[in-house]
Amino acid sequence: MRGLFYVKLKKSINEDSVLFKPNYSFEKRQKEMAKKKKKEEKKQRKLEKQKKSVGENEDTPPPED
C-alpha cells in the first residue's frame, strides 16, 4: 500500500527502540476522501455533459419541412 503512516509506540524499558503500528484510521479517512473527490468529479462531468447537450439542442434550429 502506498501512503502508509505509522504511530510510534515507545517501550518503557528502552526508549531508543521504537515500534511502529499502522494508523488504519488515517488510511481509511484518506481512502474515503479520495472516493468522495472522485464522486464529486464524476458528478461535475455529468452536469457539464448535460449542459452541453442542452446547449446544442437550443442552438440548432428546428428542421424545416
Protein backbone atom coordinates (compact mmCIF):
# COMPACT_ATOMS: atom_id res chain seq x y z
CA MET A 1 0.00 0.00 0.00
CA ARG A 2 1.18 3.46 -0.72
CA GLY A 3 0.89 6.25 1.79
CA LEU A 4 1.22 4.20 4.94
CA PHE A 5 1.53 6.25 8.07
CA TYR A 6 2.57 4.81 11.37
CA VAL A 7 2.13 5.73 15.01
CA LYS A 8 5.15 5.42 17.28
CA LEU A 9 4.92 3.21 20.35
CA LYS A 10 7.71 3.55 22.88
CA LYS A 11 8.88 0.75 25.10
CA SER A 12 9.15 1.72 28.73
CA ILE A 13 12.41 -0.19 29.22
CA ASN A 14 14.45 1.13 26.33
CA GLU A 15 13.34 4.39 24.75
CA ASP A 16 15.78 4.00 21.86
CA SER A 17 13.79 1.06 20.48
CA VAL A 18 10.66 2.29 18.76
CA LEU A 19 7.89 0.05 17.47
CA PHE A 20 5.64 1.20 14.67
CA LYS A 21 1.96 0.42 14.40
CA PRO A 22 -0.06 1.20 11.27
CA ASN A 23 -2.54 4.06 11.63
CA TYR A 24 -5.55 2.46 9.97
CA SER A 25 -7.96 5.28 10.82
CA PHE A 26 -5.81 7.74 8.87
CA GLU A 27 -5.65 5.41 5.88
CA LYS A 28 -9.41 4.87 5.98
CA ARG A 29 -10.08 8.61 6.12
CA GLN A 30 -7.74 9.22 3.18
CA LYS A 31 -9.47 6.49 1.16
CA GLU A 32 -12.92 7.93 1.96
CA MET A 33 -11.79 11.42 0.96
CA ALA A 34 -10.45 10.08 -2.35
CA LYS A 35 -13.75 8.33 -3.05
CA LYS A 36 -15.70 11.49 -2.24
CA LYS A 37 -13.48 13.57 -4.54
CA LYS A 38 -13.83 11.07 -7.37
CA LYS A 39 -17.62 11.01 -6.93
CA GLU A 40 -17.79 14.81 -7.00
CA GLU A 41 -15.67 14.96 -10.17
CA LYS A 42 -17.96 12.41 -11.83
CA LYS A 43 -20.99 14.48 -10.85
CA GLN A 44 -19.40 17.61 -12.36
CA ARG A 45 -18.63 15.77 -15.62
CA LYS A 46 -22.26 14.62 -15.87
CA LEU A 47 -23.55 18.15 -15.26
CA GLU A 48 -21.22 19.59 -17.91
CA LYS A 49 -22.31 16.91 -20.36
CA GLN A 50 -25.98 17.71 -19.70
CA LYS A 51 -25.39 21.45 -20.12
CA LYS A 52 -23.53 20.81 -23.36
CA SER A 53 -26.29 18.61 -24.79
CA VAL A 54 -29.00 21.11 -23.76
CA GLY A 55 -26.98 23.96 -25.29
CA GLU A 56 -26.60 22.11 -28.59
CA ASN A 57 -30.34 21.44 -28.77
CA GLU A 58 -31.15 25.13 -28.25
CA ASP A 59 -28.62 26.34 -30.85
CA THR A 60 -29.84 24.13 -33.67
CA PRO A 61 -32.87 25.47 -35.49
CA PRO A 62 -35.89 23.20 -35.84
CA PRO A 63 -35.94 21.23 -39.10
CA GLU A 64 -37.95 22.81 -41.88
CA ASP A 65 -40.31 20.63 -43.88
